[in-house]
Protein backbone atom coordinates (compact mmCIF):
# COMPACT_ATOMS: atom_id res chain seq x y z
CA MET A 1 -89.47 -188.64 -5.43
CA LYS A 2 -91.88 -189.74 -8.15
CA LYS A 3 -94.72 -187.71 -6.58
CA LYS A 4 -92.55 -184.56 -6.58
CA PHE A 5 -91.68 -185.11 -10.24
CA ILE A 6 -95.34 -185.54 -11.21
CA THR A 7 -96.32 -182.42 -9.26
CA LEU A 8 -93.56 -180.41 -10.93
CA PHE A 9 -94.56 -181.75 -14.34
CA TYR A 10 -98.20 -180.68 -13.87
CA ALA A 11 -97.14 -177.26 -12.59
CA LEU A 12 -94.99 -176.71 -15.68
CA CYS A 13 -97.83 -177.84 -17.96
CA ILE A 14 -100.28 -175.45 -16.32
CA SER A 15 -97.85 -172.52 -16.52
CA GLY A 16 -97.17 -173.33 -20.18
CA VAL A 17 -100.88 -173.30 -20.98
CA THR A 18 -101.25 -169.97 -19.21
CA PHE A 19 -98.34 -168.49 -21.19
CA VAL A 20 -99.71 -169.71 -24.55
CA SER A 21 -103.22 -168.41 -23.81
CA ALA A 22 -101.77 -165.03 -22.75
CA GLN A 23 -99.82 -164.79 -26.01
CA LYS A 24 -102.89 -165.47 -28.16
CA SER A 25 -104.92 -162.75 -26.45
CA TYR A 26 -102.60 -159.99 -27.78
CA ILE A 27 -104.15 -158.21 -30.75
CA PRO A 28 -101.51 -155.98 -32.37
CA TRP A 29 -103.89 -153.72 -34.31
CA LYS A 30 -106.04 -152.77 -31.30
CA ASN A 31 -103.61 -149.91 -30.55
CA GLY A 32 -103.88 -148.36 -34.01
CA LYS A 33 -101.47 -147.84 -36.88
CA LEU A 34 -97.71 -147.67 -36.44
CA ALA A 35 -95.96 -144.32 -36.39
CA VAL A 36 -92.44 -143.04 -35.77
CA SER A 37 -91.98 -141.43 -32.36
CA GLU A 38 -91.48 -137.69 -32.06
CA GLU A 39 -87.78 -138.27 -31.31
CA GLY A 40 -87.47 -140.45 -34.41
CA ARG A 41 -85.91 -143.27 -32.38
CA TYR A 42 -88.62 -145.93 -32.14
CA LEU A 43 -91.96 -147.09 -33.46
CA LYS A 44 -95.17 -146.64 -31.55
CA HIS A 45 -98.88 -147.15 -32.12
CA GLU A 46 -101.30 -144.27 -32.73
CA ASN A 47 -102.36 -144.34 -29.08
CA GLY A 48 -98.73 -143.98 -27.88
CA THR A 49 -98.12 -147.64 -26.95
CA PRO A 50 -94.56 -148.65 -27.88
CA PHE A 51 -94.25 -151.26 -30.65
CA PHE A 52 -92.20 -154.28 -29.59
CA TRP A 53 -90.21 -155.46 -32.62
CA MET A 54 -89.83 -159.25 -32.43
CA GLY A 55 -88.30 -160.11 -35.77
CA GLU A 56 -87.03 -162.97 -37.87
CA THR A 57 -84.53 -162.58 -40.69
CA GLY A 58 -84.56 -164.84 -43.72
CA TRP A 59 -82.20 -163.02 -46.03
CA LEU A 60 -82.51 -165.29 -49.05
CA LEU A 61 -86.01 -166.67 -48.55
CA PRO A 62 -87.41 -165.37 -51.87
CA GLU A 63 -84.46 -166.80 -53.82
CA ARG A 64 -83.96 -170.16 -52.16
CA THR A 65 -87.50 -171.39 -51.56
CA ASP A 66 -90.64 -171.97 -53.54
CA ARG A 67 -94.03 -170.53 -52.56
CA ASP A 68 -95.05 -173.52 -50.40
CA GLU A 69 -91.77 -173.58 -48.47
CA ALA A 70 -91.91 -169.82 -47.90
CA SER A 71 -95.52 -170.03 -46.74
CA TYR A 72 -94.65 -172.83 -44.30
CA TYR A 73 -91.67 -170.87 -42.96
CA LEU A 74 -93.70 -167.69 -42.45
CA GLU A 75 -96.52 -169.60 -40.72
CA LYS A 76 -93.96 -171.06 -38.30
CA CYS A 77 -92.57 -167.56 -37.65
CA ALA A 78 -96.08 -166.27 -36.87
CA MET A 79 -96.73 -169.22 -34.56
CA ALA A 80 -93.47 -168.46 -32.74
CA GLY A 81 -94.70 -164.91 -32.06
CA TYR A 82 -92.64 -162.94 -34.56
CA ASN A 83 -94.37 -159.75 -35.70
CA VAL A 84 -91.69 -158.49 -38.12
CA TYR A 85 -89.99 -160.25 -41.01
CA LYS A 86 -86.93 -158.83 -42.79
CA TYR A 87 -85.38 -160.09 -45.99
CA ARG A 88 -82.86 -158.95 -48.57
CA GLN A 89 -83.80 -158.91 -52.21
CA SER A 90 -80.77 -159.87 -54.26
CA THR A 91 -79.97 -158.05 -57.46
CA GLU A 92 -77.34 -160.57 -58.61
CA HIS A 93 -79.69 -161.93 -61.24
CA LEU A 94 -79.80 -158.45 -62.82
CA LEU A 95 -76.03 -158.29 -63.42
């Protein structure tokens, strides 16, 4: 039983390393600038490759964090593989 567990553990570790190394090899700008498709329904790169939108939403990040906290948060988002970040700029302070 213990030998099976160790074998399974090593197999998972190896597959995890393979997945992480495959993620790091992706270079988003190698396909060119982003453009709207002819149908106007999705984003694509200049060479026609579809753009996969993997986003994070931090609606109040600019209002509720300082520069260091925001930088840390955005670094973690990039490490997680997010390529889009959306936020909402509040205008409450203008009222």
